[in-house]
């Protein structure tokens, strides 16, 4: 057997071990292996999350235009819930990873329980509001009367059942912080698998199940996510996670909960700053006509999908930072981040080359209208020009979050997106007359600015001293 054959066999052995979650301690041994073992399940987890949204749209688009619009409007509101869920998840990952690195499993259990309690409390408030005021929510979003009549049931069930979204995010964040990334991955495989099976059954009415239309998508989503949450809780209380909860842990701890709220505040602000800037960019793009807007929308969806592996590697960096800081190994934490950033850059270079050479083919797969293809392809090519910077920007941002320093990336996002990107996009598009190209350039240069600031701030090393 040749050396090359042995290396290939070893590579696939590592992939299988990563998927099965056979390793969860990443404070010793090879850093490259640690990155690989964490990244594989996290990349697959991110891909599963993106598939979830694609499946819903694919089935609902066969119902009606109003059905698709309902999902779009409702998801805009649910973004607020995502902001809270992601912010709390950042805090949960950072605190649990730190406690695991300190070998304080009891402290990790306390943090996990308080995160879950906090998530339940927030989701109940949102759920009651969404269930009672679903029609009013759609009305505020600009929906016409006929759309509200058809779609309010979807909004009522999706926001009313948002506890499944909140807990799915939070408990997976706990698993990732503990180094059990494969469990988070399998949870989303279960959730998405059920959603794919149940979507057509409830939307179109198969067998004894009546046809619910767009409401059926909400039913399928809640059942899929709810089942996955039960699976998560089963693992936490009876399963094979490093964080195994006991009945004695199920008590409120104000000190731990307040610490989670403090750390999560920055994470929530980060997400809101980022998403709100995209809303304003979309508003600017709408000035150039529906075909240009369609090209931009398709390009952004393609970009977001291709960024999922990068997000997976970035999440791996967050776990490595948290665990190694907890183990009093700040130098190993820093080295892990730079190596992860390098691997992420390699991946992004490959993706950018694909976009540069095949942008028109990619966009025309979704829509063959000449203007849509032209503007969508240009968007892909211009944004791909900054992909190497995106690679380091994402990893470094998550590294700060993994250390519990959620305030630093919040400040960086504020400068990059609100102080620079939005004013420059408006200036370039309208004053300089670059139109849509000005927005594309603003997006790319803002991400370059973000990466440069993050690199400078990261090298200062103040994140190593954060206590969580």
Protein backbone atom coordinates (compact mmCIF):
# COMPACT_ATOMS: atom_id res chain seq x y z
CA UNK A 1 0.00 0.00 0.00
CA UNK A 2 1.44 3.37 -1.05
CA UNK A 3 1.90 6.38 1.23
CA UNK A 4 -0.71 8.25 -0.82
CA UNK A 5 -3.25 5.46 -0.30
CA UNK A 6 -2.59 5.50 3.45
CA UNK A 7 -3.06 9.29 3.56
CA UNK A 8 -6.38 9.11 1.70
CA UNK A 9 -7.58 6.32 4.01
CA UNK A 10 -6.52 8.37 7.05
CA UNK A 11 -8.36 11.43 5.66
CA UNK A 12 -11.65 9.54 5.35
CA UNK A 13 -11.11 7.92 8.75
CA UNK A 14 -10.85 11.41 10.28
CA UNK A 15 -13.99 12.56 8.45
CA UNK A 16 -15.96 9.59 9.79
CA UNK A 17 -14.58 10.14 13.31
CA UNK A 18 -15.58 13.83 13.11
CA UNK A 19 -19.11 12.96 11.98
CA UNK A 20 -19.44 10.43 14.80
CA UNK A 21 -18.03 12.92 17.32
CA UNK A 22 -15.32 10.63 18.65
CA UNK A 23 -13.24 13.54 19.92
CA UNK A 24 -14.35 16.50 22.04
CA UNK A 25 -11.20 17.64 23.90
CA UNK A 26 -9.34 20.19 21.80
CA UNK A 27 -6.90 21.67 24.32
CA UNK A 28 -4.03 19.31 23.45
CA UNK A 29 -2.63 17.48 20.45
CA UNK A 30 -2.56 18.64 16.83
CA UNK A 31 -4.28 21.98 16.21
CA UNK A 32 -4.83 21.10 12.55
CA UNK A 33 -6.58 17.88 13.53
CA UNK A 34 -8.69 19.76 16.09
CA UNK A 35 -9.80 22.27 13.45
CA UNK A 36 -10.66 19.45 11.06
CA UNK A 37 -12.58 17.40 13.65
CA UNK A 38 -14.64 20.43 14.69
CA UNK A 39 -15.13 21.97 11.25
CA UNK A 40 -16.55 18.95 9.41
CA UNK A 41 -19.72 18.56 11.55
CA UNK A 42 -20.10 22.35 11.90
CA UNK A 43 -19.93 22.83 8.12
CA UNK A 44 -22.55 20.10 7.65
CA UNK A 45 -24.68 21.72 10.37
CA UNK A 46 -24.59 25.09 8.59
CA UNK A 47 -25.50 23.46 5.27
CA UNK A 48 -28.46 21.72 6.93
CA UNK A 49 -29.73 25.06 8.24
CA UNK A 50 -29.60 26.63 4.77
CA UNK A 51 -31.34 23.62 3.22
CA UNK A 52 -34.20 24.08 5.71
CA UNK A 53 -35.16 27.45 4.18
CA UNK A 54 -34.72 26.24 0.59
CA UNK A 55 -37.06 23.27 1.09
CA UNK A 56 -39.87 25.42 2.49
CA UNK A 57 -39.66 27.85 -0.43
CA UNK A 58 -39.45 25.03 -2.99
CA UNK A 59 -42.72 23.46 -1.81
CA UNK A 60 -44.61 26.65 -0.97
CA UNK A 61 -43.81 28.20 -4.35
CA UNK A 62 -46.13 25.57 -5.85
CA UNK A 63 -49.05 26.92 -3.75
CA UNK A 64 -49.26 30.61 -4.72
CA UNK A 65 -47.38 33.90 -4.93
CA UNK A 66 -49.14 35.05 -1.75
CA UNK A 67 -47.88 31.93 0.04
CA UNK A 68 -44.27 32.74 -0.87
CA UNK A 69 -44.78 36.41 0.11
CA UNK A 70 -46.19 35.28 3.47
CA UNK A 71 -43.04 33.33 4.23
CA UNK A 72 -40.88 36.30 3.19
CA UNK A 73 -42.76 38.79 5.38
CA UNK A 74 -42.94 36.43 8.35
CA UNK A 75 -39.23 35.58 8.11
CA UNK A 76 -38.46 39.32 8.23
CA UNK A 77 -40.14 39.47 11.65
CA UNK A 78 -38.62 36.16 12.77
CA UNK A 79 -35.21 37.77 12.12
CA UNK A 80 -35.66 39.52 15.48
CA UNK A 81 -36.05 36.13 17.13
CA UNK A 82 -32.98 34.88 15.26
CA UNK A 83 -31.04 37.89 16.57
CA UNK A 84 -31.88 36.97 20.16
CA UNK A 85 -31.27 33.26 19.54
CA UNK A 86 -27.90 33.86 17.89
CA UNK A 87 -26.84 36.34 20.58
CA UNK A 88 -27.74 33.93 23.38
CA UNK A 89 -26.08 31.11 21.43
CA UNK A 90 -22.81 33.05 21.18
CA UNK A 91 -22.87 33.54 24.95
CA UNK A 92 -23.74 29.89 25.59
CA UNK A 93 -20.90 28.64 23.36
CA UNK A 94 -18.37 31.03 24.94
CA UNK A 95 -19.26 30.25 28.57
CA UNK A 96 -19.67 26.48 28.11
CA UNK A 97 -16.41 26.23 26.12
CA UNK A 98 -14.57 28.22 28.81
CA UNK A 99 -15.89 25.98 31.60
CA UNK A 100 -15.05 22.81 29.66
CA UNK A 101 -11.53 24.12 29.06
CA UNK A 102 -11.25 24.77 32.81
CA UNK A 103 -12.50 21.18 33.38
CA UNK A 104 -15.38 22.69 35.35
CA UNK A 105 -18.16 20.46 34.02
CA UNK A 106 -20.51 21.48 36.82
CA UNK A 107 -20.08 25.13 35.80
CA UNK A 108 -20.77 24.16 32.18
CA UNK A 109 -24.00 22.43 33.28
CA UNK A 110 -25.12 25.53 35.18
CA UNK A 111 -24.46 27.74 32.16
CA UNK A 112 -26.36 25.32 29.88
CA UNK A 113 -29.42 25.26 32.14
CA UNK A 114 -29.56 29.03 32.57
CA UNK A 115 -29.23 29.51 28.80
CA UNK A 116 -32.16 27.15 28.25
CA UNK A 117 -34.27 28.90 30.91
CA UNK A 118 -33.49 32.28 29.34
CA UNK A 119 -34.39 31.01 25.88
CA UNK A 120 -37.70 29.61 27.08
CA UNK A 121 -38.62 32.89 28.78
CA UNK A 122 -37.85 35.01 25.69
CA UNK A 123 -39.62 32.64 23.29
CA UNK A 124 -42.80 32.54 25.41
CA UNK A 125 -43.08 36.34 25.28
CA UNK A 126 -42.58 36.41 21.49
CA UNK A 127 -44.83 33.39 21.03
CA UNK A 128 -47.82 34.87 22.83
CA UNK A 129 -47.45 38.15 20.92
CA UNK A 130 -47.15 36.43 17.53
CA UNK A 131 -50.05 34.07 18.15
CA UNK A 132 -52.44 36.85 19.16
CA UNK A 133 -51.37 39.56 16.68
CA UNK A 134 -50.44 37.57 13.55
CA UNK A 135 -52.79 39.60 11.29
CA UNK A 136 -51.55 42.90 12.66
CA UNK A 137 -47.91 41.83 12.16
CA UNK A 138 -48.50 41.07 8.47
CA UNK A 139 -50.40 44.35 8.10
CA UNK A 140 -47.49 46.33 9.56
CA UNK A 141 -45.17 44.60 7.08
CA UNK A 142 -47.28 45.98 4.23
CA UNK A 143 -49.31 42.87 3.34
CA UNK A 144 -52.54 43.32 1.39
CA UNK A 145 -55.86 42.11 2.86
CA UNK A 146 -56.03 38.96 0.71
CA UNK A 147 -52.48 37.95 1.69
CA UNK A 148 -53.24 38.49 5.39
CA UNK A 149 -56.32 36.28 5.11
CA UNK A 150 -54.38 33.48 3.41
CA UNK A 151 -51.15 33.75 5.38
CA UNK A 152 -51.89 34.81 8.96
CA UNK A 153 -52.21 31.18 10.05
CA UNK A 154 -48.60 30.54 8.97
CA UNK A 155 -47.42 33.62 10.87
CA UNK A 156 -49.42 32.63 13.94
CA UNK A 157 -47.95 29.13 14.08
CA UNK A 158 -44.37 30.02 13.16
CA UNK A 159 -43.97 32.89 15.62
CA UNK A 160 -46.23 31.21 18.18
CA UNK A 161 -44.00 28.13 18.02
CA UNK A 162 -40.72 30.06 17.99
CA UNK A 163 -39.59 28.16 21.10
CA UNK A 164 -38.47 25.41 18.72
CA UNK A 165 -36.21 27.89 16.87
CA UNK A 166 -34.83 29.34 20.08
CA UNK A 167 -34.04 26.03 21.78
CA UNK A 168 -32.66 24.42 18.62
CA UNK A 169 -30.12 27.27 18.31
CA UNK A 170 -29.31 27.40 22.01
CA UNK A 171 -28.86 23.71 22.75
CA UNK A 172 -26.75 23.23 19.62
CA UNK A 173 -24.60 26.14 20.85
CA UNK A 174 -24.15 24.27 24.14
CA UNK A 175 -23.07 21.15 22.26
CA UNK A 176 -20.61 23.15 20.14
CA UNK A 177 -19.12 24.82 23.22
CA UNK A 178 -18.59 21.39 24.77
CA UNK A 179 -16.86 20.23 21.59
CA UNK A 180 -19.78 17.94 20.66
CA UNK A 181 -20.22 19.46 17.21
CA UNK A 182 -21.35 16.17 15.67
CA UNK A 183 -24.41 16.05 17.96
CA UNK A 184 -25.45 19.52 16.74
CA UNK A 185 -25.04 18.28 13.18
CA UNK A 186 -27.16 15.14 13.71
CA UNK A 187 -29.84 17.26 15.39
CA UNK A 188 -30.26 19.38 12.26
CA UNK A 189 -30.19 16.31 10.03
CA UNK A 190 -33.14 14.95 12.04
CA UNK A 191 -34.94 18.31 11.95
CA UNK A 192 -34.44 18.83 8.21
CA UNK A 193 -35.21 15.22 7.34
CA UNK A 194 -38.58 15.44 9.07
CA UNK A 195 -39.29 18.83 7.49
CA UNK A 196 -38.62 17.47 3.98
CA UNK A 197 -40.93 14.51 4.60
CA UNK A 198 -43.71 16.47 6.34
CA UNK A 199 -43.76 19.60 4.14
CA UNK A 200 -45.59 18.04 1.15
CA UNK A 201 -47.84 15.99 3.44
CA UNK A 202 -49.21 19.01 5.30
CA UNK A 203 -48.99 21.57 2.47
CA UNK A 204 -50.71 19.48 -0.22
CA UNK A 205 -52.66 17.03 1.97
CA UNK A 206 -51.55 13.44 1.51
CA UNK A 207 -53.53 10.44 2.76
CA UNK A 208 -55.72 11.24 5.79
CA UNK A 209 -53.99 14.60 6.33
CA UNK A 210 -56.03 17.56 4.98
CA UNK A 211 -54.50 20.19 2.67
CA UNK A 212 -53.29 23.11 4.80
CA UNK A 213 -51.50 25.13 2.11
CA UNK A 214 -48.89 27.56 3.44
CA UNK A 215 -50.02 26.85 7.03
CA UNK A 216 -48.84 23.28 6.46
CA UNK A 217 -45.27 24.57 6.06
CA UNK A 218 -45.43 26.04 9.58
CA UNK A 219 -46.88 22.80 10.96
CA UNK A 220 -44.11 20.74 9.33
CA UNK A 221 -41.42 23.15 10.50
CA UNK A 222 -42.63 23.15 14.11
CA UNK A 223 -42.91 19.34 14.19
CA UNK A 224 -39.45 18.92 12.62
CA UNK A 225 -37.75 21.42 14.90
CA UNK A 226 -39.77 20.35 17.95
CA UNK A 227 -38.77 16.70 17.50
CA UNK A 228 -35.14 17.75 17.17
CA UNK A 229 -35.40 19.76 20.42
CA UNK A 230 -36.77 16.69 22.22
CA UNK A 231 -33.83 14.73 20.78
CA UNK A 232 -31.45 17.40 22.10
CA UNK A 233 -33.00 17.34 25.59
CA UNK A 234 -32.85 13.55 25.60
CA UNK A 235 -29.12 13.70 24.89
CA UNK A 236 -28.57 16.36 27.56
CA UNK A 237 -30.31 14.32 30.24
CA UNK A 238 -29.70 10.72 29.16
CA UNK A 239 -27.25 10.72 26.24
CA UNK A 240 -23.59 10.85 25.34
CA UNK A 241 -22.82 14.59 25.44
CA UNK A 242 -20.00 15.82 27.65
CA UNK A 243 -22.63 18.09 29.28
CA UNK A 244 -25.02 15.69 30.99
CA UNK A 245 -27.68 17.53 32.99
CA UNK A 246 -28.96 16.33 36.34
CA UNK A 247 -32.22 17.11 38.12
CA UNK A 248 -30.23 19.08 40.71
CA UNK A 249 -29.10 21.48 37.95
CA UNK A 250 -32.68 22.60 37.18
CA UNK A 251 -32.69 25.68 39.41
CA UNK A 252 -32.46 29.37 38.57
CA UNK A 253 -29.04 30.93 39.14
CA UNK A 254 -29.30 34.71 38.83
CA UNK A 255 -25.52 35.26 38.75
CA UNK A 256 -24.93 32.83 35.87
CA UNK A 257 -28.00 34.08 33.98
CA UNK A 258 -26.94 37.74 34.28
CA UNK A 259 -23.48 36.80 32.98
CA UNK A 260 -25.08 35.13 29.94
CA UNK A 261 -27.24 38.22 29.33
CA UNK A 262 -24.15 40.44 29.55
CA UNK A 263 -22.17 38.36 27.06
CA UNK A 264 -25.14 37.85 24.71
CA UNK A 265 -25.93 41.58 24.47
CA UNK A 266 -22.99 42.10 22.12
CA UNK A 267 -23.95 39.10 20.02
CA UNK A 268 -27.51 40.35 19.59
CA UNK A 269 -26.23 43.81 18.64
CA UNK A 270 -23.80 42.28 16.11
CA UNK A 271 -26.58 40.43 14.31
CA UNK A 272 -28.97 43.38 14.34
CA UNK A 273 -26.32 45.76 12.98
CA UNK A 274 -25.50 43.34 10.16
CA UNK A 275 -29.08 42.46 9.19
CA UNK A 276 -30.36 46.03 9.38
CA UNK A 277 -27.58 47.19 7.04
CA UNK A 278 -28.68 44.57 4.49
CA UNK A 279 -32.24 45.89 4.73
CA UNK A 280 -31.04 49.39 3.82
CA UNK A 281 -28.90 48.05 0.97
CA UNK A 282 -31.96 46.24 -0.37
CA UNK A 283 -33.86 49.54 -0.24
CA UNK A 284 -31.13 51.26 -2.27
CA UNK A 285 -31.11 48.43 -4.83
CA UNK A 286 -34.89 48.70 -5.28
CA UNK A 287 -34.32 52.11 -6.93
CA UNK A 288 -32.79 50.44 -9.99
CA UNK A 289 -35.77 48.29 -11.01
CA UNK A 290 -37.11 44.82 -10.32
CA UNK A 291 -34.75 43.02 -12.72
CA UNK A 292 -31.64 44.50 -11.11
CA UNK A 293 -33.08 43.74 -7.68
CA UNK A 294 -33.80 40.15 -8.71
CA UNK A 295 -30.21 39.68 -9.93
CA UNK A 296 -28.89 41.07 -6.65
CA UNK A 297 -31.25 38.89 -4.58
CA UNK A 298 -30.24 35.71 -6.42
CA UNK A 299 -26.54 36.57 -6.12
CA UNK A 300 -26.81 37.20 -2.37
CA UNK A 301 -28.66 33.89 -1.85
CA UNK A 302 -25.90 32.07 -3.76
CA UNK A 303 -23.22 33.87 -1.74
CA UNK A 304 -24.88 33.06 1.59
CA UNK A 305 -25.12 29.39 0.65
CA UNK A 306 -21.45 29.24 -0.35
CA UNK A 307 -20.46 30.94 2.93
CA UNK A 308 -21.87 28.09 5.04
CA UNK A 309 -18.59 26.09 5.08
CA UNK A 310 -16.78 29.26 6.12
CA UNK A 311 -19.24 29.80 8.95
CA UNK A 312 -18.63 26.20 10.01
CA UNK A 313 -14.88 26.79 10.22
CA UNK A 314 -15.48 30.09 12.03
CA UNK A 315 -17.62 28.35 14.64
CA UNK A 316 -14.82 25.82 15.08
CA UNK A 317 -12.45 28.72 15.84
CA UNK A 318 -14.88 30.00 18.50
CA UNK A 319 -14.92 26.64 20.30
CA UNK A 320 -11.13 26.29 20.11
CA UNK A 321 -10.62 29.77 21.55
CA UNK A 322 -13.07 29.22 24.41
CA UNK A 323 -11.72 25.81 25.43
CA UNK A 324 -8.06 26.80 25.18
CA UNK A 325 -8.54 30.02 27.13
CA UNK A 326 -10.29 27.97 29.79
CA UNK A 327 -7.30 25.60 29.82
CA UNK A 328 -4.98 28.62 30.34
CA UNK A 329 -3.44 28.21 26.88
CA UNK A 330 -3.94 31.62 25.21
CA UNK A 331 -1.08 31.06 22.75
CA UNK A 332 -2.66 27.82 21.51
CA UNK A 333 -5.99 29.66 21.21
CA UNK A 334 -4.37 32.37 19.07
CA UNK A 335 -2.50 29.87 16.89
CA UNK A 336 -5.75 27.96 16.32
CA UNK A 337 -7.40 31.11 14.98
CA UNK A 338 -4.64 31.94 12.49
CA UNK A 339 -4.51 28.38 11.16
CA UNK A 340 -8.31 28.27 10.80
CA UNK A 341 -8.23 31.62 9.00
CA UNK A 342 -5.61 30.29 6.57
CA UNK A 343 -7.68 27.19 5.74
CA UNK A 344 -10.78 29.33 5.34
CA UNK A 345 -8.87 31.60 2.95
CA UNK A 346 -7.87 28.61 0.82
CA UNK A 347 -11.52 27.59 0.52
CA UNK A 348 -12.67 31.11 -0.29
CA UNK A 349 -10.07 31.51 -3.04
CA UNK A 350 -11.49 28.43 -4.77
CA UNK A 351 -15.06 29.77 -4.47
CA UNK A 352 -14.04 33.22 -5.74
CA UNK A 353 -12.42 31.67 -8.83
CA UNK A 354 -15.64 29.75 -9.54
CA UNK A 355 -17.63 32.99 -9.28
CA UNK A 356 -15.21 34.96 -11.44
CA UNK A 357 -15.32 32.45 -14.29
CA UNK A 358 -18.85 31.00 -14.03
CA UNK A 359 -20.93 33.84 -12.56
CA UNK A 360 -23.30 34.14 -15.54
CA UNK A 361 -23.88 30.38 -15.68
CA UNK A 362 -24.71 30.32 -11.97
CA UNK A 363 -27.21 33.21 -12.15
CA UNK A 364 -28.85 31.99 -15.38
CA UNK A 365 -29.56 28.66 -13.67
CA UNK A 366 -32.07 30.55 -11.49
CA UNK A 367 -33.26 33.15 -14.02
CA UNK A 368 -32.33 33.64 -17.68
CA UNK A 369 -33.53 37.27 -18.05
CA UNK A 370 -30.56 39.17 -19.57
CA UNK A 371 -30.53 42.08 -17.09
CA UNK A 372 -30.95 39.71 -14.13
CA UNK A 373 -28.04 37.58 -15.34
CA UNK A 374 -25.84 40.60 -16.07
CA UNK A 375 -26.33 42.34 -12.72
CA UNK A 376 -26.38 39.15 -10.67
CA UNK A 377 -23.14 37.95 -12.28
CA UNK A 378 -21.49 41.33 -11.72
CA UNK A 379 -22.53 41.22 -8.07
CA UNK A 380 -20.96 37.76 -7.65
CA UNK A 381 -17.73 38.82 -9.35
CA UNK A 382 -17.28 42.10 -7.46
CA UNK A 383 -18.03 40.55 -4.07
CA UNK A 384 -15.79 37.54 -4.85
CA UNK A 385 -12.92 40.00 -5.18
CA UNK A 386 -12.90 40.39 -1.38
CA UNK A 387 -13.43 36.76 -0.43
CA UNK A 388 -9.95 36.24 1.04
CA UNK A 389 -10.64 39.13 3.42
CA UNK A 390 -14.06 37.69 4.27
CA UNK A 391 -12.33 34.44 5.27
CA UNK A 392 -10.23 36.10 7.96
CA UNK A 393 -12.97 38.54 8.96
CA UNK A 394 -15.43 35.74 9.76
CA UNK A 395 -12.90 33.63 11.67
CA UNK A 396 -11.59 36.54 13.74
CA UNK A 397 -15.10 37.80 14.56
CA UNK A 398 -16.10 34.36 15.83
CA UNK A 399 -12.81 34.09 17.71
CA UNK A 400 -13.68 37.24 19.68
CA UNK A 401 -17.13 35.79 20.37
CA UNK A 402 -15.62 32.49 21.47
CA UNK A 403 -13.50 34.37 23.98
CA UNK A 404 -16.66 36.03 25.32
CA UNK A 405 -15.60 39.40 23.87
CA UNK A 406 -18.82 40.12 21.97
CA UNK A 407 -18.40 43.88 22.34
CA UNK A 408 -15.36 44.14 20.04
CA UNK A 409 -16.99 42.62 16.92
CA UNK A 410 -20.09 44.72 17.62
CA UNK A 411 -17.96 47.89 17.42
CA UNK A 412 -16.19 46.60 14.30
CA UNK A 413 -19.54 45.83 12.63
CA UNK A 414 -20.87 49.27 13.53
CA UNK A 415 -17.88 51.02 11.94
CA UNK A 416 -17.73 48.75 8.87
CA UNK A 417 -21.44 48.59 8.06
CA UNK A 418 -23.08 51.74 9.44
CA UNK A 419 -20.27 54.29 9.44
CA UNK A 420 -18.72 53.17 6.13
CA UNK A 421 -20.80 50.75 4.03
CA UNK A 422 -24.23 52.43 4.00
CA UNK A 423 -23.02 56.03 3.39
CA UNK A 424 -20.57 54.87 0.72
CA UNK A 425 -23.20 52.68 -0.99
CA UNK A 426 -25.56 55.67 -1.22
CA UNK A 427 -22.78 58.03 -2.37
CA UNK A 428 -21.43 55.60 -4.99
CA UNK A 429 -24.85 54.58 -6.29
CA UNK A 430 -26.43 58.02 -6.61
CA UNK A 431 -23.85 60.83 -6.29
CA UNK A 432 -21.07 59.12 -8.26
CA UNK A 433 -23.58 57.54 -10.63
CA UNK A 434 -22.27 53.96 -10.28
CA UNK A 435 -25.82 52.75 -9.61
CA UNK A 436 -26.00 49.07 -8.54
CA UNK A 437 -22.25 48.60 -9.06
CA UNK A 438 -21.68 51.15 -6.31
CA UNK A 439 -23.57 48.95 -3.86
CA UNK A 440 -21.52 45.90 -4.87
CA UNK A 441 -18.28 47.83 -4.35
CA UNK A 442 -19.52 49.12 -0.97
CA UNK A 443 -20.23 45.56 0.20
CA UNK A 444 -16.79 44.32 -0.82
CA UNK A 445 -14.79 47.22 0.57
CA UNK A 446 -16.75 47.16 3.85
CA UNK A 447 -15.85 43.50 4.36
CA UNK A 448 -12.20 44.30 3.58
CA UNK A 449 -12.32 47.11 6.17
CA UNK A 450 -13.90 44.74 8.71
CA UNK A 451 -11.14 42.17 8.20
CA UNK A 452 -8.35 44.74 8.50
CA UNK A 453 -9.76 46.24 11.72
CA UNK A 454 -10.35 42.74 13.15
CA UNK A 455 -6.75 41.69 12.40
CA UNK A 456 -5.32 44.80 14.07
CA UNK A 457 -7.57 44.44 17.13
CA UNK A 458 -6.97 40.70 17.42
CA UNK A 459 -3.21 41.15 17.41
CA UNK A 460 -3.49 43.47 20.43
CA UNK A 461 -4.49 40.41 22.44
CA UNK A 462 -6.96 42.06 24.84
CA UNK A 463 -9.47 39.25 24.06
CA UNK A 464 -7.20 36.84 25.99
CA UNK A 465 -8.01 38.65 29.23
CA UNK A 466 -11.81 38.52 28.97
CA UNK A 467 -13.47 36.72 31.88
CA UNK A 468 -16.79 34.91 31.37
